[in-house]
C-alpha atoms as a PDB file:
ATOM      1  CA  MET A   1      -3.151 -38.942 -11.204  1.00  0.00           C
ATOM      2  CA  ASN A   2      -3.728 -40.238 -15.129  1.00  0.00           C
ATOM      3  CA  LEU A   3      -1.110 -43.042 -15.659  1.00  0.00           C
ATOM      4  CA  THR A   4      -2.712 -44.767 -18.932  1.00  0.00           C
ATOM      5  CA  ASN A   5       0.329 -43.472 -20.903  1.00  0.00           C
ATOM      6  CA  PHE A   6       2.508 -46.016 -19.011  1.00  0.00           C
ATOM      7  CA  ASN A   7       3.082 -49.471 -19.679  1.00  0.00           C
ATOM      8  CA  GLN A   8       3.615 -51.931 -16.359  1.00  0.00           C
ATOM      9  CA  SER A   9       7.395 -52.354 -16.340  1.00  0.00           C
ATOM     10  CA  ASP A  10       7.689 -48.313 -16.289  1.00  0.00           C
ATOM     11  CA  ARG A  11       5.117 -48.015 -13.713  1.00  0.00           C
ATOM     12  CA  CYS A  12       7.362 -50.562 -11.696  1.00  0.00           C
ATOM     13  CA  GLU A  13       9.846 -49.102 -12.477  1.00  0.00           C
ATOM     14  CA  LEU A  14       8.732 -45.298 -11.346  1.00  0.00           C
ATOM     15  CA  PHE A  15       7.062 -47.338  -7.872  1.00  0.00           C
ATOM     16  CA  SER A  16       9.694 -49.022  -6.713  1.00  0.00           C
ATOM     17  CA  CYS A  17      10.702 -48.318  -3.441  1.00  0.00           C
ATOM     18  CA  PRO A  18      13.988 -46.994  -2.348  1.00  0.00           C
ATOM     19  CA  GLU A  19      16.134 -48.163  -0.177  1.00  0.00           C
ATOM     20  CA  ARG A  20      16.424 -45.884   3.494  1.00  0.00           C
ATOM     21  CA  THR A  21      19.503 -43.860   3.459  1.00  0.00           C
ATOM     22  CA  VAL A  22      18.617 -41.685   6.202  1.00  0.00           C
ATOM     23  CA  SER A  23      20.201 -42.044   9.884  1.00  0.00           C
ATOM     24  CA  SER A  24      18.176 -44.173  12.838  1.00  0.00           C
ATOM     25  CA  ALA A  25      17.809 -40.699  14.511  1.00  0.00           C
ATOM     26  CA  VAL A  26      16.482 -38.982  11.977  1.00  0.00           C
ATOM     27  CA  TYR A  27      13.763 -41.430  10.722  1.00  0.00           C
ATOM     28  CA  ILE A  28      12.736 -41.687  13.981  1.00  0.00           C
ATOM     29  CA  LEU A  29      12.714 -37.774  14.408  1.00  0.00           C
ATOM     30  CA  LEU A  30      10.706 -38.354  11.339  1.00  0.00           C
ATOM     31  CA  TYR A  31       7.964 -40.120  13.348  1.00  0.00           C
ATOM     32  CA  VAL A  32       8.054 -38.490  16.212  1.00  0.00           C
ATOM     33  CA  CYS A  33       7.584 -34.741  14.165  1.00  0.00           C
ATOM     34  CA  SER A  34       4.220 -37.449  12.161  1.00  0.00           C
ATOM     35  CA  SER A  35       2.936 -38.121  15.285  1.00  0.00           C
ATOM     36  CA  ALA A  36       3.058 -34.316  16.587  1.00  0.00           C
ATOM     37  CA  VAL A  37       1.211 -32.924  13.415  1.00  0.00           C
ATOM     38  CA  VAL A  38      -1.269 -35.838  13.357  1.00  0.00           C
ATOM     39  CA  LEU A  39      -1.956 -35.232  17.164  1.00  0.00           C
ATOM     40  CA  LEU A  40      -2.176 -31.544  16.875  1.00  0.00           C
ATOM     41  CA  ILE A  41      -4.938 -31.916  13.648  1.00  0.00           C
ATOM     42  CA  VAL A  42      -6.670 -34.248  15.386  1.00  0.00           C
ATOM     43  CA  CYS A  43      -7.015 -32.210  18.982  1.00  0.00           C
ATOM     44  CA  GLY A  44      -7.148 -28.941  17.647  1.00  0.00           C
ATOM     45  CA  ASN A  45     -10.107 -30.164  15.248  1.00  0.00           C
ATOM     46  CA  MET A  46     -11.916 -32.100  18.431  1.00  0.00           C
ATOM     47  CA  LEU A  47     -12.100 -28.502  20.103  1.00  0.00           C
ATOM     48  CA  VAL A  48     -13.895 -26.396  17.523  1.00  0.00           C
ATOM     49  CA  ILE A  49     -16.427 -29.593  17.667  1.00  0.00           C
ATOM     50  CA  ILE A  50     -16.883 -29.899  21.071  1.00  0.00           C
ATOM     51  CA  SER A  51     -17.262 -26.315  21.147  1.00  0.00           C
ATOM     52  CA  VAL A  52     -19.755 -26.196  18.225  1.00  0.00           C
ATOM     53  CA  PHE A  53     -21.882 -28.793  19.464  1.00  0.00           C
ATOM     54  CA  HIS A  54     -21.865 -28.479  22.969  1.00  0.00           C
ATOM     55  CA  PHE A  55     -22.654 -24.643  23.460  1.00  0.00           C
ATOM     56  CA  LYS A  56     -26.117 -23.833  22.525  1.00  0.00           C
ATOM     57  CA  GLN A  57     -24.821 -19.764  21.751  1.00  0.00           C
ATOM     58  CA  LEU A  58     -22.780 -21.801  18.849  1.00  0.00           C
ATOM     59  CA  HIS A  59     -25.614 -23.814  17.000  1.00  0.00           C
ATOM     60  CA  THR A  60     -26.218 -21.038  14.016  1.00  0.00           C
ATOM     61  CA  PRO A  61     -26.013 -21.803  10.366  1.00  0.00           C
ATOM     62  CA  THR A  62     -22.491 -20.748  10.289  1.00  0.00           C
ATOM     63  CA  ASN A  63     -21.319 -22.781  12.706  1.00  0.00           C
ATOM     64  CA  THR A  64     -22.939 -26.040  11.580  1.00  0.00           C
ATOM     65  CA  LEU A  65     -20.769 -25.579   8.574  1.00  0.00           C
ATOM     66  CA  VAL A  66     -17.858 -25.053  10.781  1.00  0.00           C
ATOM     67  CA  LEU A  67     -18.449 -27.818  12.415  1.00  0.00           C
ATOM     68  CA  SER A  68     -19.347 -30.006   9.583  1.00  0.00           C
ATOM     69  CA  LEU A  69     -15.692 -28.544   8.056  1.00  0.00           C
ATOM     70  CA  ALA A  70     -14.147 -29.438  11.370  1.00  0.00           C
ATOM     71  CA  VAL A  71     -15.581 -32.952  11.076  1.00  0.00           C
ATOM     72  CA  SER A  72     -14.093 -34.010   7.896  1.00  0.00           C
ATOM     73  CA  ASP A  73     -10.609 -32.345   9.015  1.00  0.00           C
ATOM     74  CA  PHE A  74     -10.764 -33.947  12.361  1.00  0.00           C
ATOM     75  CA  LEU A  75     -11.572 -37.834  10.051  1.00  0.00           C
ATOM     76  CA  VAL A  76      -8.475 -36.181   8.532  1.00  0.00           C
ATOM     77  CA  GLY A  77      -6.473 -36.866  11.088  1.00  0.00           C
ATOM     78  CA  ILE A  78      -7.265 -39.934  12.255  1.00  0.00           C
ATOM     79  CA  PHE A  79      -7.829 -41.870   8.809  1.00  0.00           C
ATOM     80  CA  VAL A  80      -5.640 -39.984   6.337  1.00  0.00           C
ATOM     81  CA  MET A  81      -3.070 -38.063   7.184  1.00  0.00           C
ATOM     82  CA  PRO A  82      -1.052 -41.126   9.483  1.00  0.00           C
ATOM     83  CA  ILE A  83      -0.777 -43.127   6.374  1.00  0.00           C
ATOM     84  CA  LEU A  84       0.162 -40.720   4.331  1.00  0.00           C
ATOM     85  CA  LEU A  85       2.752 -39.485   7.040  1.00  0.00           C
ATOM     86  CA  ILE A  86       4.415 -43.219   6.342  1.00  0.00           C
ATOM     87  CA  TRP A  87       4.328 -43.339   3.001  1.00  0.00           C
ATOM     88  CA  ILE A  88       6.555 -40.409   2.721  1.00  0.00           C
ATOM     89  CA  ILE A  89       9.281 -41.258   5.352  1.00  0.00           C
ATOM     90  CA  GLU A  90       9.191 -44.661   4.029  1.00  0.00           C
ATOM     91  CA  SER A  91       9.236 -43.538   0.075  1.00  0.00           C
ATOM     92  CA  CYS A  92       7.122 -46.950  -0.609  1.00  0.00           C
ATOM     93  CA  TRP A  93       3.192 -48.119   0.178  1.00  0.00           C
ATOM     94  CA  ILE A  94       3.509 -50.638   2.621  1.00  0.00           C
ATOM     95  CA  PHE A  95      -0.573 -51.352   3.130  1.00  0.00           C
ATOM     96  CA  GLY A  96      -1.366 -53.080   0.229  1.00  0.00           C
ATOM     97  CA  LYS A  97      -3.599 -53.173  -2.760  1.00  0.00           C
ATOM     98  CA  VAL A  98      -6.913 -53.335  -0.907  1.00  0.00           C
ATOM     99  CA  PHE A  99      -5.742 -50.411   1.848  1.00  0.00           C
ATOM    100  CA  CYS A 100      -4.865 -48.723  -1.596  1.00  0.00           C
ATOM    101  CA  SER A 101      -8.482 -48.259  -2.469  1.00  0.00           C
ATOM    102  CA  ILE A 102      -9.905 -47.817   0.970  1.00  0.00           C
ATOM    103  CA  TYR A 103      -7.061 -44.913   1.495  1.00  0.00           C
ATOM    104  CA  TRP A 104      -8.606 -42.672  -1.967  1.00  0.00           C
ATOM    105  CA  LEU A 105     -11.858 -43.793  -0.779  1.00  0.00           C
ATOM    106  CA  ILE A 106     -11.079 -42.011   2.570  1.00  0.00           C
ATOM    107  CA  SER A 107      -9.562 -39.398   1.031  1.00  0.00           C
ATOM    108  CA  SER A 108     -12.358 -37.962  -0.653  1.00  0.00           C
ATOM    109  CA  LEU A 109     -13.010 -36.237   2.639  1.00  0.00           C
ATOM    110  CA  LEU A 110     -10.678 -33.142   0.828  1.00  0.00           C
ATOM    111  CA  SER A 111     -13.728 -33.162  -1.514  1.00  0.00           C
ATOM    112  CA  VAL A 112     -16.032 -32.840   1.041  1.00  0.00           C
ATOM    113  CA  SER A 113     -13.725 -29.783   2.075  1.00  0.00           C
ATOM    114  CA  THR A 114     -13.956 -27.540  -0.737  1.00  0.00           C
ATOM    115  CA  TYR A 115     -17.324 -28.256  -0.818  1.00  0.00           C
ATOM    116  CA  THR A 116     -17.900 -27.016   2.329  1.00  0.00           C
ATOM    117  CA  VAL A 117     -15.866 -24.349   1.937  1.00  0.00           C
ATOM    118  CA  ALA A 118     -18.003 -23.392  -1.213  1.00  0.00           C
ATOM    119  CA  GLN A 119     -21.014 -23.780   0.961  1.00  0.00           C
ATOM    120  CA  ILE A 120     -19.624 -21.521   3.734  1.00  0.00           C
ATOM    121  CA  ALA A 121     -19.299 -18.443   0.900  1.00  0.00           C
ATOM    122  CA  VAL A 122     -22.497 -18.861  -0.064  1.00  0.00           C
ATOM    123  CA  ASP A 123     -23.984 -18.864   3.145  1.00  0.00           C
ATOM    124  CA  ARG A 124     -21.596 -15.439   4.035  1.00  0.00           C
ATOM    125  CA  TYR A 125     -22.836 -13.976   0.524  1.00  0.00           C
ATOM    126  CA  LEU A 126     -26.571 -14.560   1.477  1.00  0.00           C
ATOM    127  CA  ALA A 127     -26.335 -13.839   5.123  1.00  0.00           C
ATOM    128  CA  LEU A 128     -25.017  -9.924   3.593  1.00  0.00           C
ATOM    129  CA  SER A 129     -26.511  -9.836   0.767  1.00  0.00           C
ATOM    130  CA  ASN A 130     -30.213 -10.508   2.019  1.00  0.00           C
ATOM    131  CA  PRO A 131     -30.021 -10.881   5.942  1.00  0.00           C
ATOM    132  CA  PHE A 132     -33.781 -10.612   6.282  1.00  0.00           C
ATOM    133  CA  LEU A 133     -34.313 -13.426   3.852  1.00  0.00           C
ATOM    134  CA  TYR A 134     -31.491 -15.017   5.375  1.00  0.00           C
ATOM    135  CA  MET A 135     -32.599 -15.271   8.770  1.00  0.00           C
ATOM    136  CA  LYS A 136     -36.378 -15.898   7.266  1.00  0.00           C
ATOM    137  CA  ILE A 137     -35.303 -19.157   5.235  1.00  0.00           C
ATOM    138  CA  PHE A 138     -31.791 -19.877   6.806  1.00  0.00           C
ATOM    139  CA  SER A 139     -31.824 -22.426  10.242  1.00  0.00           C
ATOM    140  CA  VAL A 140     -29.544 -25.210  11.471  1.00  0.00           C
ATOM    141  CA  LYS A 141     -32.079 -27.727  10.893  1.00  0.00           C
ATOM    142  CA  ILE A 142     -31.696 -26.885   6.722  1.00  0.00           C
ATOM    143  CA  THR A 143     -28.120 -25.792   7.248  1.00  0.00           C
ATOM    144  CA  ARG A 144     -27.978 -29.980   8.753  1.00  0.00           C
ATOM    145  CA  VAL A 145     -29.907 -31.346   5.848  1.00  0.00           C
ATOM    146  CA  ILE A 146     -27.594 -29.461   2.712  1.00  0.00           C
ATOM    147  CA  ILE A 147     -24.281 -30.980   4.582  1.00  0.00           C
ATOM    148  CA  VAL A 148     -25.513 -34.611   4.926  1.00  0.00           C
ATOM    149  CA  PHE A 149     -26.937 -33.771   0.975  1.00  0.00           C
ATOM    150  CA  ASN A 150     -23.375 -32.922   0.527  1.00  0.00           C
ATOM    151  CA  TRP A 151     -21.073 -35.457   2.530  1.00  0.00           C
ATOM    152  CA  CYS A 152     -23.984 -38.316   0.500  1.00  0.00           C
ATOM    153  CA  VAL A 153     -23.243 -36.567  -2.802  1.00  0.00           C
ATOM    154  CA  VAL A 154     -19.187 -36.623  -2.137  1.00  0.00           C
ATOM    155  CA  VAL A 155     -19.112 -40.110  -1.044  1.00  0.00           C
ATOM    156  CA  THR A 156     -21.473 -41.651  -3.945  1.00  0.00           C
ATOM    157  CA  TYR A 157     -19.077 -39.487  -6.351  1.00  0.00           C
ATOM    158  CA  ASN A 158     -15.468 -40.579  -5.348  1.00  0.00           C
ATOM    159  CA  ILE A 159     -17.068 -44.352  -5.436  1.00  0.00           C
ATOM    160  CA  ALA A 160     -18.143 -43.836  -8.984  1.00  0.00           C
ATOM    161  CA  LEU A 161     -14.615 -42.617  -9.383  1.00  0.00           C
ATOM    162  CA  LEU A 162     -12.671 -45.620  -7.769  1.00  0.00           C
ATOM    163  CA  TYR A 163     -15.041 -48.247  -9.812  1.00  0.00           C
ATOM    164  CA  CYS A 164     -15.115 -46.815 -12.517  1.00  0.00           C
ATOM    165  CA  ASN A 165     -11.616 -46.634 -12.951  1.00  0.00           C
ATOM    166  CA  GLY A 166     -10.169 -50.288 -11.627  1.00  0.00           C
ATOM    167  CA  ASN A 167      -9.356 -49.265  -7.764  1.00  0.00           C
ATOM    168  CA  PHE A 168     -12.644 -51.945  -7.067  1.00  0.00           C
ATOM    169  CA  THR A 169     -11.617 -54.787  -9.514  1.00  0.00           C
ATOM    170  CA  SER A 170      -8.372 -56.604 -10.545  1.00  0.00           C
ATOM    171  CA  PHE A 171      -5.081 -54.633 -12.286  1.00  0.00           C
ATOM    172  CA  ALA A 172      -1.807 -54.719 -11.896  1.00  0.00           C
ATOM    173  CA  MET A 173       0.102 -53.170  -8.538  1.00  0.00           C
ATOM    174  CA  CYS A 174       3.653 -52.959  -8.496  1.00  0.00           C
ATOM    175  CA  PRO A 175       5.116 -52.882  -4.900  1.00  0.00           C
ATOM    176  CA  GLY A 176       5.567 -49.531  -3.308  1.00  0.00           C
ATOM    177  CA  GLU A 177       2.206 -48.021  -5.910  1.00  0.00           C
ATOM    178  CA  CYS A 178      -0.810 -46.343  -4.721  1.00  0.00           C
ATOM    179  CA  ILE A 179      -1.495 -43.869  -7.244  1.00  0.00           C
ATOM    180  CA  LEU A 180      -5.219 -43.826  -8.150  1.00  0.00           C
ATOM    181  CA  PRO A 181      -5.221 -44.549 -12.375  1.00  0.00           C
ATOM    182  CA  LEU A 182      -7.379 -41.839 -13.895  1.00  0.00           C
ATOM    183  CA  ASN A 183      -8.411 -42.480 -17.555  1.00  0.00           C
ATOM    184  CA  GLU A 184      -8.228 -38.783 -19.471  1.00  0.00           C
ATOM    185  CA  VAL A 185     -12.016 -38.247 -19.371  1.00  0.00           C
ATOM    186  CA  TRP A 186     -12.109 -39.118 -15.558  1.00  0.00           C
ATOM    187  CA  THR A 187      -9.117 -36.912 -15.498  1.00  0.00           C
ATOM    188  CA  VAL A 188     -10.942 -33.543 -16.617  1.00  0.00           C
ATOM    189  CA  ILE A 189     -14.038 -34.740 -14.713  1.00  0.00           C
ATOM    190  CA  ASP A 190     -11.791 -34.727 -11.188  1.00  0.00           C
ATOM    191  CA  LEU A 191     -10.581 -31.834 -11.983  1.00  0.00           C
ATOM    192  CA  ILE A 192     -14.152 -29.688 -12.846  1.00  0.00           C
ATOM    193  CA  CYS A 193     -15.840 -31.476  -9.958  1.00  0.00           C
ATOM    194  CA  SER A 194     -13.162 -31.134  -7.307  1.00  0.00           C
ATOM    195  CA  PHE A 195     -11.651 -28.329  -7.893  1.00  0.00           C
ATOM    196  CA  ILE A 196     -12.685 -25.665 -10.706  1.00  0.00           C
ATOM    197  CA  PHE A 197     -16.463 -26.215  -9.639  1.00  0.00           C
ATOM    198  CA  PRO A 198     -16.221 -25.191  -5.976  1.00  0.00           C
ATOM    199  CA  CYS A 199     -13.139 -23.218  -6.218  1.00  0.00           C
ATOM    200  CA  SER A 200     -14.821 -21.182  -8.690  1.00  0.00           C
ATOM    201  CA  VAL A 201     -17.960 -20.583  -6.476  1.00  0.00           C
ATOM    202  CA  ILE A 202     -15.562 -19.656  -3.393  1.00  0.00           C
ATOM    203  CA  MET A 203     -13.831 -16.682  -5.316  1.00  0.00           C
ATOM    204  CA  ILE A 204     -17.492 -15.520  -7.753  1.00  0.00           C
ATOM    205  CA  LEU A 205     -18.822 -15.315  -4.216  1.00  0.00           C
ATOM    206  CA  TYR A 206     -15.996 -14.134  -2.158  1.00  0.00           C
ATOM    207  CA  THR A 207     -15.322 -11.342  -4.029  1.00  0.00           C
ATOM    208  CA  ARG A 208     -18.575 -10.067  -3.928  1.00  0.00           C
ATOM    209  CA  VAL A 209     -19.006 -10.098  -0.106  1.00  0.00           C
ATOM    210  CA  PHE A 210     -15.833  -8.497   0.145  1.00  0.00           C
ATOM    211  CA  VAL A 211     -17.928  -5.832  -2.094  1.00  0.00           C
ATOM    212  CA  ILE A 212     -20.992  -6.009  -0.261  1.00  0.00           C
ATOM    213  CA  ALA A 213     -18.669  -5.524   2.900  1.00  0.00           C
ATOM    214  CA  LYS A 214     -16.901  -2.966   1.995  1.00  0.00           C
ATOM    215  CA  LYS A 215     -20.238  -1.079   1.172  1.00  0.00           C
ATOM    216  CA  HIS A 216     -21.501  -2.445   4.528  1.00  0.00           C
ATOM    217  CA  ALA A 217     -17.889   0.052   6.021  1.00  0.00           C
ATOM    218  CA  THR A 218     -19.375   2.824   4.275  1.00  0.00           C
ATOM    219  CA  ALA A 219     -22.723   2.642   5.704  1.00  0.00           C
ATOM    220  CA  ILE A 220     -20.879   2.362   9.645  1.00  0.00           C
ATOM    221  CA  ARG A 221     -19.257   5.568   8.693  1.00  0.00           C
ATOM    222  CA  GLU A 222     -22.633   7.289   7.635  1.00  0.00           C
ATOM    223  CA  LEU A 223     -24.562   5.437  11.317  1.00  0.00           C
ATOM    224  CA  ASN A 224     -21.142   7.148  13.661  1.00  0.00           C
ATOM    225  CA  ASN A 225     -22.277  10.898  12.290  1.00  0.00           C
ATOM    226  CA  HIS A 226     -25.594  10.358  12.920  1.00  0.00           C
ATOM    227  CA  THR A 227     -27.773  10.182  16.426  1.00  0.00           C
ATOM    228  CA  ARG A 228     -27.207   6.788  17.692  1.00  0.00           C
ATOM    229  CA  LEU A 229     -30.949   5.840  18.397  1.00  0.00           C
ATOM    230  CA  LYS A 230     -31.180   2.097  19.698  1.00  0.00           C
ATOM    231  CA  THR A 231     -32.445   0.770  15.988  1.00  0.00           C
ATOM    232  CA  GLN A 232     -29.564   2.477  14.725  1.00  0.00           C
ATOM    233  CA  LYS A 233     -27.010   0.672  16.990  1.00  0.00           C
ATOM    234  CA  MET A 234     -28.166  -2.908  16.644  1.00  0.00           C
ATOM    235  CA  THR A 235     -28.204  -2.219  13.288  1.00  0.00           C
ATOM    236  CA  LEU A 236     -24.773  -0.952  13.511  1.00  0.00           C
ATOM    237  CA  HIS A 237     -23.906  -4.350  15.874  1.00  0.00           C
ATOM    238  CA  SER A 238     -25.558  -6.571  13.430  1.00  0.00           C
ATOM    239  CA  MET A 239     -23.694  -4.885  10.317  1.00  0.00           C
ATOM    240  CA  LYS A 240     -20.494  -5.204  11.949  1.00  0.00           C
ATOM    241  CA  SER A 241     -20.764  -9.066  12.877  1.00  0.00           C
ATOM    242  CA  GLU A 242     -21.382 -10.036   9.846  1.00  0.00           C
ATOM    243  CA  ARG A 243     -18.282  -7.958   8.486  1.00  0.00           C
ATOM    244  CA  LYS A 244     -15.881  -9.627  11.017  1.00  0.00           C
ATOM    245  CA  ALA A 245     -17.455 -13.208  10.338  1.00  0.00           C
ATOM    246  CA  ALA A 246     -17.049 -11.995   6.699  1.00  0.00           C
ATOM    247  CA  LYS A 247     -13.197 -11.405   7.037  1.00  0.00           C
ATOM    248  CA  VAL A 248     -12.346 -14.052   9.446  1.00  0.00           C
ATOM    249  CA  LEU A 249     -14.367 -16.759   6.581  1.00  0.00           C
ATOM    250  CA  GLY A 250     -12.364 -15.199   3.651  1.00  0.00           C
ATOM    251  CA  ILE A 251      -8.942 -15.736   5.717  1.00  0.00           C
ATOM    252  CA  LEU A 252      -9.952 -18.951   5.869  1.00  0.00           C
ATOM    253  CA  VAL A 253     -10.667 -19.950   2.478  1.00  0.00           C
ATOM    254  CA  SER A 254      -7.909 -18.182   1.384  1.00  0.00           C
ATOM    255  CA  VAL A 255      -6.020 -20.573   3.478  1.00  0.00           C
ATOM    256  CA  PHE A 256      -7.769 -23.397   2.318  1.00  0.00           C
ATOM    257  CA  LEU A 257      -7.107 -22.470  -1.426  1.00  0.00           C
ATOM    258  CA  LEU A 258      -3.294 -21.399  -1.131  1.00  0.00           C
ATOM    259  CA  CYS A 259      -3.301 -24.978   0.243  1.00  0.00           C
ATOM    260  CA  LEU A 260      -5.512 -26.657  -2.526  1.00  0.00           C
ATOM    261  CA  LEU A 261      -3.122 -25.180  -5.526  1.00  0.00           C
ATOM    262  CA  PRO A 262       0.102 -26.666  -5.198  1.00  0.00           C
ATOM    263  CA  TYR A 263      -1.278 -30.323  -5.800  1.00  0.00           C
ATOM    264  CA  PHE A 264      -3.510 -29.688  -9.160  1.00  0.00           C
ATOM    265  CA  ILE A 265      -0.872 -27.480 -10.173  1.00  0.00           C
ATOM    266  CA  THR A 266       1.735 -30.463  -9.667  1.00  0.00           C
ATOM    267  CA  SER A 267      -1.609 -32.566 -11.329  1.00  0.00           C
ATOM    268  CA  LEU A 268      -1.603 -31.064 -14.525  1.00  0.00           C
ATOM    269  CA  LEU A 269       2.518 -30.216 -15.120  1.00  0.00           C
ATOM    270  CA  PHE A 270       3.131 -34.446 -13.976  1.00  0.00           C
ATOM    271  CA  TYR A 271       3.280 -34.727 -17.683  1.00  0.00           C
ATOM    272  CA  VAL A 272       4.535 -32.282 -18.978  1.00  0.00           C
ATOM    273  CA  ILE A 273       7.387 -31.744 -17.178  1.00  0.00           C
ATOM    274  CA  GLU A 274       7.549 -35.675 -15.808  1.00  0.00           C
ATOM    275  CA  LEU A 275       8.315 -34.777 -11.790  1.00  0.00           C
ATOM    276  CA  GLN A 276       9.282 -37.059  -9.815  1.00  0.00           C
ATOM    277  CA  VAL A 277       6.838 -39.569  -8.468  1.00  0.00           C
ATOM    278  CA  GLU A 278       8.590 -38.563  -4.919  1.00  0.00           C
ATOM    279  CA  THR A 279       7.933 -34.663  -5.729  1.00  0.00           C
ATOM    280  CA  PHE A 280       4.541 -35.808  -6.143  1.00  0.00           C
ATOM    281  CA  ARG A 281       3.590 -37.433  -2.870  1.00  0.00           C
ATOM    282  CA  LYS A 282       5.396 -34.715  -0.540  1.00  0.00           C
ATOM    283  CA  VAL A 283       2.902 -31.976  -2.170  1.00  0.00           C
ATOM    284  CA  LEU A 284      -0.149 -34.687  -1.403  1.00  0.00           C
ATOM    285  CA  ILE A 285       0.727 -32.681   2.265  1.00  0.00           C
ATOM    286  CA  THR A 286      -0.062 -29.466   1.074  1.00  0.00           C
ATOM    287  CA  LEU A 287      -3.587 -30.509   0.465  1.00  0.00           C
ATOM    288  CA  TYR A 288      -3.582 -31.678   4.119  1.00  0.00           C
ATOM    289  CA  LEU A 289      -1.993 -28.833   5.870  1.00  0.00           C
ATOM    290  CA  ASN A 290      -4.913 -27.067   6.080  1.00  0.00           C
ATOM    291  CA  SER A 291      -6.383 -29.324   8.881  1.00  0.00           C
ATOM    292  CA  ILE A 292      -3.844 -28.553  10.949  1.00  0.00           C
ATOM    293  CA  ILE A 293      -3.882 -24.393  10.364  1.00  0.00           C
ATOM    294  CA  ASN A 294      -7.980 -24.043  10.951  1.00  0.00           C
ATOM    295  CA  PRO A 295      -8.287 -25.108  13.951  1.00  0.00           C
ATOM    296  CA  PHE A 296      -5.136 -22.200  15.136  1.00  0.00           C
ATOM    297  CA  ILE A 297      -7.112 -19.572  12.082  1.00  0.00           C
ATOM    298  CA  TYR A 298     -10.558 -19.909  14.754  1.00  0.00           C
ATOM    299  CA  ALA A 299      -7.990 -19.017  17.949  1.00  0.00           C
ATOM    300  CA  LEU A 300      -6.885 -16.254  16.535  1.00  0.00           C
ATOM    301  CA  PHE A 301      -9.693 -14.862  16.155  1.00  0.00           C
ATOM    302  CA  TYR A 302     -12.352 -16.020  16.983  1.00  0.00           C
ATOM    303  CA  PRO A 303     -12.554 -14.997  20.820  1.00  0.00           C
ATOM    304  CA  TRP A 304     -15.620 -17.716  21.541  1.00  0.00           C
ATOM    305  CA  PHE A 305     -13.228 -20.452  20.452  1.00  0.00           C
ATOM    306  CA  ARG A 306     -10.534 -18.961  23.091  1.00  0.00           C
ATOM    307  CA  LYS A 307     -13.079 -18.826  26.084  1.00  0.00           C
ATOM    308  CA  CYS A 308     -14.500 -22.788  24.480  1.00  0.00           C
ATOM    309  CA  ILE A 309     -10.901 -24.399  25.155  1.00  0.00           C
ATOM    310  CA  LYS A 310     -11.186 -22.693  28.513  1.00  0.00           C
ATOM    311  CA  LEU A 311     -13.982 -24.185  29.168  1.00  0.00           C
ATOM    312  CA  ILE A 312     -13.068 -27.324  28.174  1.00  0.00           C
ATOM    313  CA  ILE A 313      -9.669 -27.600  28.739  1.00  0.00           C
ATOM    314  CA  MET A 314     -11.421 -27.149  32.860  1.00  0.00           C
ATOM    315  CA  LEU A 315     -14.238 -29.034  32.252  1.00  0.00           C
ATOM    316  CA  LYS A 316     -16.506 -27.098  33.126  1.00  0.00           C
ATOM    317  CA  ILE A 317     -18.890 -28.251  30.527  1.00  0.00           C
ATOM    318  CA  LEU A 318     -19.152 -31.404  32.329  1.00  0.00           C
ATOM    319  CA  GLN A 319     -21.673 -29.034  34.873  1.00  0.00           C
ATOM    320  CA  THR A 320     -25.435 -29.071  34.752  1.00  0.00           C
ATOM    321  CA  ASP A 321     -26.777 -26.900  32.500  1.00  0.00           C
ATOM    322  CA  SER A 322     -23.022 -25.973  31.001  1.00  0.00           C
ATOM    323  CA  ALA A 323     -24.596 -25.433  27.437  1.00  0.00           C
ATOM    324  CA  LEU A 324     -26.045 -22.148  28.578  1.00  0.00           C
ATOM    325  CA  ILE A 325     -23.144 -21.120  29.547  1.00  0.00           C
ATOM    326  CA  ASN A 326     -22.597 -17.175  27.286  1.00  0.00           C
ATOM    327  CA  VAL A 327     -19.606 -17.899  24.896  1.00  0.00           C
ATOM    328  CA  LEU A 328     -20.010 -15.250  23.142  1.00  0.00           C
END
């Protein structure tokens, strides 16, 4: 958020801590609900991480990207959501100046998620548009290298963003304030790098994915009308699998964009209509709401995930050769 147009007294007035007006019962209830949200994020994404990491059948390039997304969501649940929820409940930043910088650096995990979803879009597009080339070039090992590169680039970018905007040097900070003060240049750079570019890639590629999926649906109907030779059955099964994967991941991407839009719209309108900072803080929740939704999407649409949950809860993953259990 760009705060360069505010002088020090204005900033302190904006971020002064209001007195708590809710009753003790409501106050406790808010913390209980917040704890439940954090627990859902952590446990849900931990189940995804264990499932993809443990069962060898799930070691595919696409699932490796899903694993990366689950790891970033898990870290959000551990390090970001608890602090954000306390910040909102207290209506005040109570963790000090140094931890404010650390908080915004850890929040860069959102950018990791954004670019991971963009990579999933690229993965699905290549798998559907040129499946033979995809199977030949893309392996789990190559995907892991891409993921590590993605994490390194995003973390480096966010360190540079904080450093160039004074968050690693001394700057005046009012009580209750923890807002990233971006100058005009970095505001535009961050908007392009964190939102416009990755979201454009996601939307363009998924438009292409659904066009290709529609063509595949037509081809499947034509195959159904002919003699079912063995090779035709294999082709039919492969095309259906790819279409289903594209559909599920399309839902995941759509939900992700819906969670992302309110924050960036609010950021752009902050100075135009002079929104309250309290409103902006609450909109931050929508950024991380996706972290709790993703595991439910997997549970609803992926039979293998439901089977993995059952095996994990029953502790069957502790058995010898449990990694070789058929979960597909």
